[in-house]
């Protein structure tokens, strides 16, 4: 009788483990930091679909999204300003709950960073500007590395305005080195955003939803994400 009870108990335990592994879902939190590129800003000062939104919706459709935090991204935000916000641990009220930026960064299973276009797109990048930007970026990455050791995705700059393709390529190479030093994933978008069909207005560096979709496709390749693309 005792053997029968033990056998039933063991079988029940095994079945519980099997059911757990087949029914559990690994929900993730996605956090985006950065400037107007992170927000999908259009030339008309209206937020459209961003690469972050594509990422969010795919996980949402798979019922694997726990949280999506994009409120710490801000149009016009510079690297220096983002560093300051992290140092001061900026807080926001989101859905009636107070959330601090350090808390959001720490909670992120996927953290995207796209910052630099708002401050550099229409500026002739001199060596001084380049060095200051990279120094700030190095400090920013170091701060984020302390707070998050999961999947951090760094989006490159792309050519626009007073800066030629080669200048941005060289700067992106330095950004890539900084990202990889911190074990971040670097996504180079400079070449793919040479497509004129990705722009709503030839006088603006803000890209349309097709451009953001192409960035998301690069993120999928970079992280080998098995998620369905939104059409």
C-alpha atoms as a PDB file:
ATOM      1  CA  UNK A   1       0.000   0.000   0.000  1.00  0.00           C
ATOM      2  CA  UNK A   2       2.844   2.338   0.926  1.00  0.00           C
ATOM      3  CA  UNK A   3       4.593   1.589  -2.367  1.00  0.00           C
ATOM      4  CA  UNK A   4       1.408   2.450  -4.232  1.00  0.00           C
ATOM      5  CA  UNK A   5       1.083   5.781  -2.415  1.00  0.00           C
ATOM      6  CA  UNK A   6       4.731   6.604  -3.121  1.00  0.00           C
ATOM      7  CA  UNK A   7       4.297   5.728  -6.805  1.00  0.00           C
ATOM      8  CA  UNK A   8       1.184   7.906  -7.070  1.00  0.00           C
ATOM      9  CA  UNK A   9       2.997  10.756  -5.352  1.00  0.00           C
ATOM     10  CA  UNK A  10       5.978  10.478  -7.716  1.00  0.00           C
ATOM     11  CA  UNK A  11       3.745  10.343 -10.784  1.00  0.00           C
ATOM     12  CA  UNK A  12       1.820  13.383  -9.543  1.00  0.00           C
ATOM     13  CA  UNK A  13       5.041  15.280  -9.001  1.00  0.00           C
ATOM     14  CA  UNK A  14       6.335  14.424 -12.465  1.00  0.00           C
ATOM     15  CA  UNK A  15       3.045  15.453 -14.065  1.00  0.00           C
ATOM     16  CA  UNK A  16       3.130  18.763 -12.183  1.00  0.00           C
ATOM     17  CA  UNK A  17       6.615  19.499 -13.504  1.00  0.00           C
ATOM     18  CA  UNK A  18       5.600  18.589 -17.064  1.00  0.00           C
ATOM     19  CA  UNK A  19       2.472  20.766 -16.887  1.00  0.00           C
ATOM     20  CA  UNK A  20       4.520  23.657 -15.490  1.00  0.00           C
ATOM     21  CA  UNK A  21       7.084  23.570 -18.299  1.00  0.00           C
ATOM     22  CA  UNK A  22       4.430  23.318 -20.998  1.00  0.00           C
ATOM     23  CA  UNK A  23       2.146  26.022 -19.652  1.00  0.00           C
ATOM     24  CA  UNK A  24       4.523  28.626 -18.270  1.00  0.00           C
ATOM     25  CA  UNK A  25       5.139  31.817 -20.261  1.00  0.00           C
ATOM     26  CA  UNK A  26       8.314  33.848 -20.057  1.00  0.00           C
ATOM     27  CA  UNK A  27       6.957  37.363 -19.979  1.00  0.00           C
ATOM     28  CA  UNK A  28       9.397  40.174 -20.609  1.00  0.00           C
ATOM     29  CA  UNK A  29       9.655  43.878 -19.902  1.00  0.00           C
ATOM     30  CA  UNK A  30      10.755  46.164 -22.740  1.00  0.00           C
ATOM     31  CA  UNK A  31      12.172  49.592 -21.912  1.00  0.00           C
ATOM     32  CA  UNK A  32      13.200  52.236 -24.434  1.00  0.00           C
ATOM     33  CA  UNK A  33      15.535  55.156 -23.793  1.00  0.00           C
ATOM     34  CA  UNK A  34      16.507  57.904 -26.179  1.00  0.00           C
ATOM     35  CA  UNK A  35      15.356  60.760 -28.337  1.00  0.00           C
ATOM     36  CA  UNK A  36      12.772  61.189 -31.094  1.00  0.00           C
ATOM     37  CA  UNK A  37      13.974  58.096 -32.968  1.00  0.00           C
ATOM     38  CA  UNK A  38      12.904  55.960 -29.993  1.00  0.00           C
ATOM     39  CA  UNK A  39       9.462  57.564 -30.132  1.00  0.00           C
ATOM     40  CA  UNK A  40       8.867  57.208 -33.869  1.00  0.00           C
ATOM     41  CA  UNK A  41       8.588  60.984 -34.219  1.00  0.00           C
ATOM     42  CA  UNK A  42       7.509  62.270 -37.639  1.00  0.00           C
ATOM     43  CA  UNK A  43       8.432  65.558 -39.355  1.00  0.00           C
ATOM     44  CA  UNK A  44       5.026  66.864 -38.247  1.00  0.00           C
ATOM     45  CA  UNK A  45       5.825  66.597 -34.534  1.00  0.00           C
ATOM     46  CA  UNK A  46       3.512  63.613 -34.152  1.00  0.00           C
ATOM     47  CA  UNK A  47       4.596  60.238 -32.799  1.00  0.00           C
ATOM     48  CA  UNK A  48       4.130  57.368 -35.218  1.00  0.00           C
ATOM     49  CA  UNK A  49       5.009  53.672 -35.098  1.00  0.00           C
ATOM     50  CA  UNK A  50       8.564  53.169 -33.893  1.00  0.00           C
ATOM     51  CA  UNK A  51      10.822  50.121 -33.964  1.00  0.00           C
ATOM     52  CA  UNK A  52      10.045  49.814 -30.247  1.00  0.00           C
ATOM     53  CA  UNK A  53       6.338  49.553 -31.036  1.00  0.00           C
ATOM     54  CA  UNK A  54       6.971  46.712 -33.489  1.00  0.00           C
ATOM     55  CA  UNK A  55       9.005  44.926 -30.835  1.00  0.00           C
ATOM     56  CA  UNK A  56       6.292  45.453 -28.248  1.00  0.00           C
ATOM     57  CA  UNK A  57       3.433  44.309 -30.469  1.00  0.00           C
ATOM     58  CA  UNK A  58       5.117  41.079 -31.474  1.00  0.00           C
ATOM     59  CA  UNK A  59       5.643  40.050 -27.864  1.00  0.00           C
ATOM     60  CA  UNK A  60       2.142  41.252 -27.029  1.00  0.00           C
ATOM     61  CA  UNK A  61       0.668  39.099 -29.784  1.00  0.00           C
ATOM     62  CA  UNK A  62       2.532  36.102 -28.395  1.00  0.00           C
ATOM     63  CA  UNK A  63       1.225  36.841 -24.877  1.00  0.00           C
ATOM     64  CA  UNK A  64       4.807  37.216 -23.685  1.00  0.00           C
ATOM     65  CA  UNK A  65       4.817  40.911 -22.807  1.00  0.00           C
ATOM     66  CA  UNK A  66       4.821  41.824 -19.138  1.00  0.00           C
ATOM     67  CA  UNK A  67       5.446  45.557 -19.480  1.00  0.00           C
ATOM     68  CA  UNK A  68       6.406  48.163 -22.071  1.00  0.00           C
ATOM     69  CA  UNK A  69       7.986  51.350 -20.736  1.00  0.00           C
ATOM     70  CA  UNK A  70       8.722  54.096 -23.251  1.00  0.00           C
ATOM     71  CA  UNK A  71       7.901  57.149 -21.160  1.00  0.00           C
ATOM     72  CA  UNK A  72      11.567  57.862 -20.345  1.00  0.00           C
ATOM     73  CA  UNK A  73      12.322  58.495 -24.030  1.00  0.00           C
ATOM     74  CA  UNK A  74      11.937  62.150 -24.971  1.00  0.00           C
ATOM     75  CA  UNK A  75      12.118  64.143 -28.193  1.00  0.00           C
ATOM     76  CA  UNK A  76      15.231  66.305 -28.235  1.00  0.00           C
ATOM     77  CA  UNK A  77      16.914  64.404 -25.405  1.00  0.00           C
ATOM     78  CA  UNK A  78      20.728  64.535 -25.470  1.00  0.00           C
ATOM     79  CA  UNK A  79      23.187  62.048 -24.012  1.00  0.00           C
ATOM     80  CA  UNK A  80      24.216  64.538 -21.318  1.00  0.00           C
ATOM     81  CA  UNK A  81      20.594  65.049 -20.338  1.00  0.00           C
ATOM     82  CA  UNK A  82      19.946  61.314 -20.137  1.00  0.00           C
ATOM     83  CA  UNK A  83      23.029  60.880 -17.945  1.00  0.00           C
ATOM     84  CA  UNK A  84      21.702  63.603 -15.646  1.00  0.00           C
ATOM     85  CA  UNK A  85      18.266  61.965 -15.470  1.00  0.00           C
ATOM     86  CA  UNK A  86      19.808  58.651 -14.452  1.00  0.00           C
ATOM     87  CA  UNK A  87      22.077  60.277 -11.869  1.00  0.00           C
ATOM     88  CA  UNK A  88      19.110  62.128 -10.396  1.00  0.00           C
ATOM     89  CA  UNK A  89      16.963  58.999 -10.752  1.00  0.00           C
ATOM     90  CA  UNK A  90      14.169  60.792 -12.569  1.00  0.00           C
ATOM     91  CA  UNK A  91      10.704  59.562 -11.648  1.00  0.00           C
ATOM     92  CA  UNK A  92       7.431  59.564 -13.560  1.00  0.00           C
ATOM     93  CA  UNK A  93       3.880  58.600 -12.702  1.00  0.00           C
ATOM     94  CA  UNK A  94       2.771  55.870 -15.089  1.00  0.00           C
ATOM     95  CA  UNK A  95      -0.738  54.421 -14.724  1.00  0.00           C
ATOM     96  CA  UNK A  96      -0.994  55.978 -11.264  1.00  0.00           C
ATOM     97  CA  UNK A  97       2.236  54.316 -10.139  1.00  0.00           C
ATOM     98  CA  UNK A  98       5.513  56.117  -9.498  1.00  0.00           C
ATOM     99  CA  UNK A  99       8.390  54.687 -11.530  1.00  0.00           C
ATOM    100  CA  UNK A 100      12.046  55.698 -11.303  1.00  0.00           C
ATOM    101  CA  UNK A 101      14.337  55.510 -14.307  1.00  0.00           C
ATOM    102  CA  UNK A 102      16.884  53.313 -12.513  1.00  0.00           C
ATOM    103  CA  UNK A 103      14.089  50.958 -11.552  1.00  0.00           C
ATOM    104  CA  UNK A 104      12.917  50.816 -15.178  1.00  0.00           C
ATOM    105  CA  UNK A 105      16.425  50.122 -16.502  1.00  0.00           C
ATOM    106  CA  UNK A 106      16.954  47.395 -13.918  1.00  0.00           C
ATOM    107  CA  UNK A 107      13.604  45.760 -14.753  1.00  0.00           C
ATOM    108  CA  UNK A 108      14.211  45.646 -18.503  1.00  0.00           C
ATOM    109  CA  UNK A 109      14.656  42.257 -20.129  1.00  0.00           C
ATOM    110  CA  UNK A 110      15.192  44.160 -23.378  1.00  0.00           C
ATOM    111  CA  UNK A 111      16.481  47.728 -23.184  1.00  0.00           C
ATOM    112  CA  UNK A 112      16.799  49.781 -26.366  1.00  0.00           C
ATOM    113  CA  UNK A 113      18.897  52.946 -26.634  1.00  0.00           C
ATOM    114  CA  UNK A 114      18.613  55.297 -29.602  1.00  0.00           C
ATOM    115  CA  UNK A 115      20.133  58.677 -28.862  1.00  0.00           C
ATOM    116  CA  UNK A 116      22.191  61.171 -30.821  1.00  0.00           C
ATOM    117  CA  UNK A 117      20.233  62.040 -33.939  1.00  0.00           C
ATOM    118  CA  UNK A 118      18.390  64.953 -32.341  1.00  0.00           C
ATOM    119  CA  UNK A 119      21.650  66.568 -31.245  1.00  0.00           C
ATOM    120  CA  UNK A 120      23.893  65.668 -34.207  1.00  0.00           C
ATOM    121  CA  UNK A 121      21.760  65.398 -37.350  1.00  0.00           C
ATOM    122  CA  UNK A 122      21.948  69.071 -38.256  1.00  0.00           C
ATOM    123  CA  UNK A 123      25.383  69.722 -36.759  1.00  0.00           C
ATOM    124  CA  UNK A 124      28.693  69.526 -38.569  1.00  0.00           C
ATOM    125  CA  UNK A 125      30.519  66.925 -36.506  1.00  0.00           C
ATOM    126  CA  UNK A 126      33.970  68.243 -35.643  1.00  0.00           C
ATOM    127  CA  UNK A 127      36.561  66.213 -33.737  1.00  0.00           C
ATOM    128  CA  UNK A 128      35.639  68.095 -30.578  1.00  0.00           C
ATOM    129  CA  UNK A 129      31.922  67.333 -30.959  1.00  0.00           C
ATOM    130  CA  UNK A 130      32.699  63.708 -31.792  1.00  0.00           C
ATOM    131  CA  UNK A 131      34.971  63.249 -28.781  1.00  0.00           C
ATOM    132  CA  UNK A 132      32.528  64.904 -26.371  1.00  0.00           C
ATOM    133  CA  UNK A 133      29.666  62.774 -27.671  1.00  0.00           C
ATOM    134  CA  UNK A 134      31.674  59.559 -27.350  1.00  0.00           C
ATOM    135  CA  UNK A 135      32.875  60.477 -23.859  1.00  0.00           C
ATOM    136  CA  UNK A 136      29.274  61.068 -22.795  1.00  0.00           C
ATOM    137  CA  UNK A 137      28.178  57.837 -24.434  1.00  0.00           C
ATOM    138  CA  UNK A 138      30.902  55.908 -22.631  1.00  0.00           C
ATOM    139  CA  UNK A 139      29.684  57.297 -19.309  1.00  0.00           C
ATOM    140  CA  UNK A 140      26.068  56.496 -20.188  1.00  0.00           C
ATOM    141  CA  UNK A 141      26.868  52.907 -21.150  1.00  0.00           C
ATOM    142  CA  UNK A 142      28.868  52.387 -17.961  1.00  0.00           C
ATOM    143  CA  UNK A 143      25.939  53.584 -15.878  1.00  0.00           C
ATOM    144  CA  UNK A 144      23.493  51.337 -17.704  1.00  0.00           C
ATOM    145  CA  UNK A 145      25.830  48.341 -17.434  1.00  0.00           C
ATOM    146  CA  UNK A 146      25.758  48.657 -13.651  1.00  0.00           C
ATOM    147  CA  UNK A 147      21.963  48.640 -13.671  1.00  0.00           C
ATOM    148  CA  UNK A 148      21.260  46.047 -16.347  1.00  0.00           C
ATOM    149  CA  UNK A 149      23.147  42.915 -17.460  1.00  0.00           C
ATOM    150  CA  UNK A 150      20.429  41.552 -19.744  1.00  0.00           C
ATOM    151  CA  UNK A 151      19.739  42.452 -23.398  1.00  0.00           C
ATOM    152  CA  UNK A 152      20.766  46.017 -24.160  1.00  0.00           C
ATOM    153  CA  UNK A 153      20.369  47.149 -27.769  1.00  0.00           C
ATOM    154  CA  UNK A 154      22.228  50.214 -29.041  1.00  0.00           C
ATOM    155  CA  UNK A 155      20.939  51.799 -32.269  1.00  0.00           C
ATOM    156  CA  UNK A 156      23.493  53.580 -34.450  1.00  0.00           C
ATOM    157  CA  UNK A 157      23.361  57.043 -35.974  1.00  0.00           C
ATOM    158  CA  UNK A 158      22.540  57.536 -39.637  1.00  0.00           C
ATOM    159  CA  UNK A 159      23.630  60.025 -42.285  1.00  0.00           C
ATOM    160  CA  UNK A 160      21.747  63.276 -42.530  1.00  0.00           C
ATOM    161  CA  UNK A 161      22.181  66.987 -43.145  1.00  0.00           C
ATOM    162  CA  UNK A 162      25.673  68.413 -42.730  1.00  0.00           C
ATOM    163  CA  UNK A 163      27.323  65.054 -42.126  1.00  0.00           C
ATOM    164  CA  UNK A 164      28.473  62.753 -44.916  1.00  0.00           C
ATOM    165  CA  UNK A 165      28.194  58.981 -44.987  1.00  0.00           C
ATOM    166  CA  UNK A 166      31.862  58.360 -44.171  1.00  0.00           C
ATOM    167  CA  UNK A 167      31.771  60.664 -41.127  1.00  0.00           C
ATOM    168  CA  UNK A 168      28.815  58.773 -39.666  1.00  0.00           C
ATOM    169  CA  UNK A 169      30.371  55.413 -40.529  1.00  0.00           C
ATOM    170  CA  UNK A 170      33.509  56.305 -38.555  1.00  0.00           C
ATOM    171  CA  UNK A 171      31.489  57.593 -35.632  1.00  0.00           C
ATOM    172  CA  UNK A 172      29.313  54.469 -35.665  1.00  0.00           C
ATOM    173  CA  UNK A 173      32.449  52.315 -35.545  1.00  0.00           C
ATOM    174  CA  UNK A 174      33.403  54.029 -32.288  1.00  0.00           C
ATOM    175  CA  UNK A 175      29.863  53.643 -30.920  1.00  0.00           C
ATOM    176  CA  UNK A 176      29.992  49.964 -31.837  1.00  0.00           C
ATOM    177  CA  UNK A 177      33.256  49.517 -29.923  1.00  0.00           C
ATOM    178  CA  UNK A 178      31.747  51.150 -26.832  1.00  0.00           C
ATOM    179  CA  UNK A 179      28.644  48.984 -27.083  1.00  0.00           C
ATOM    180  CA  UNK A 180      30.551  45.736 -27.495  1.00  0.00           C
ATOM    181  CA  UNK A 181      32.906  46.630 -24.655  1.00  0.00           C
ATOM    182  CA  UNK A 182      29.839  46.596 -22.411  1.00  0.00           C
ATOM    183  CA  UNK A 183      28.451  43.422 -24.017  1.00  0.00           C
ATOM    184  CA  UNK A 184      25.602  45.374 -25.602  1.00  0.00           C
ATOM    185  CA  UNK A 185      24.096  44.488 -28.966  1.00  0.00           C
ATOM    186  CA  UNK A 186      24.926  47.106 -31.626  1.00  0.00           C
ATOM    187  CA  UNK A 187      22.492  47.630 -34.517  1.00  0.00           C
ATOM    188  CA  UNK A 188      23.922  49.550 -37.475  1.00  0.00           C
ATOM    189  CA  UNK A 189      21.136  51.329 -39.391  1.00  0.00           C
ATOM    190  CA  UNK A 190      23.190  53.775 -41.467  1.00  0.00           C
ATOM    191  CA  UNK A 191      23.162  51.791 -44.703  1.00  0.00           C
ATOM    192  CA  UNK A 192      19.531  50.690 -44.578  1.00  0.00           C
ATOM    193  CA  UNK A 193      18.300  54.251 -43.973  1.00  0.00           C
ATOM    194  CA  UNK A 194      19.814  55.464 -47.233  1.00  0.00           C
ATOM    195  CA  UNK A 195      16.517  54.410 -48.807  1.00  0.00           C
ATOM    196  CA  UNK A 196      14.586  57.597 -49.769  1.00  0.00           C
ATOM    197  CA  UNK A 197      11.291  55.745 -49.357  1.00  0.00           C
ATOM    198  CA  UNK A 198      11.838  55.783 -45.599  1.00  0.00           C
ATOM    199  CA  UNK A 199      11.405  59.551 -45.338  1.00  0.00           C
ATOM    200  CA  UNK A 200       8.167  61.537 -45.266  1.00  0.00           C
ATOM    201  CA  UNK A 201       9.897  64.837 -45.887  1.00  0.00           C
ATOM    202  CA  UNK A 202      13.226  65.402 -47.653  1.00  0.00           C
ATOM    203  CA  UNK A 203      13.931  68.271 -45.278  1.00  0.00           C
ATOM    204  CA  UNK A 204      13.634  66.140 -42.131  1.00  0.00           C
ATOM    205  CA  UNK A 205      15.725  63.279 -40.729  1.00  0.00           C
ATOM    206  CA  UNK A 206      12.647  61.726 -39.127  1.00  0.00           C
ATOM    207  CA  UNK A 207      11.779  58.425 -40.793  1.00  0.00           C
ATOM    208  CA  UNK A 208       8.410  56.802 -41.500  1.00  0.00           C
ATOM    209  CA  UNK A 209       6.987  53.501 -40.288  1.00  0.00           C
ATOM    210  CA  UNK A 210       8.771  51.631 -43.100  1.00  0.00           C
ATOM    211  CA  UNK A 211      12.094  52.916 -41.838  1.00  0.00           C
ATOM    212  CA  UNK A 212      11.220  51.859 -38.312  1.00  0.00           C
ATOM    213  CA  UNK A 213      10.113  48.469 -39.577  1.00  0.00           C
ATOM    214  CA  UNK A 214      13.522  48.047 -41.222  1.00  0.00           C
ATOM    215  CA  UNK A 215      15.244  48.906 -37.922  1.00  0.00           C
ATOM    216  CA  UNK A 216      13.116  46.336 -36.131  1.00  0.00           C
ATOM    217  CA  UNK A 217      14.048  43.728 -38.734  1.00  0.00           C
ATOM    218  CA  UNK A 218      17.712  44.433 -37.961  1.00  0.00           C
ATOM    219  CA  UNK A 219      17.028  44.051 -34.241  1.00  0.00           C
ATOM    220  CA  UNK A 220      15.419  40.666 -34.879  1.00  0.00           C
ATOM    221  CA  UNK A 221      18.493  39.531 -36.794  1.00  0.00           C
ATOM    222  CA  UNK A 222      20.832  40.887 -34.154  1.00  0.00           C
ATOM    223  CA  UNK A 223      19.081  39.084 -31.313  1.00  0.00           C
ATOM    224  CA  UNK A 224      17.834  36.049 -33.261  1.00  0.00           C
ATOM    225  CA  UNK A 225      14.327  36.799 -32.023  1.00  0.00           C
ATOM    226  CA  UNK A 226      11.699  34.261 -33.000  1.00  0.00           C
ATOM    227  CA  UNK A 227       8.785  36.627 -33.261  1.00  0.00           C
ATOM    228  CA  UNK A 228       6.380  37.246 -36.083  1.00  0.00           C
ATOM    229  CA  UNK A 229       6.765  40.442 -38.091  1.00  0.00           C
ATOM    230  CA  UNK A 230       3.846  42.809 -38.232  1.00  0.00           C
ATOM    231  CA  UNK A 231       2.759  43.527 -41.809  1.00  0.00           C
END
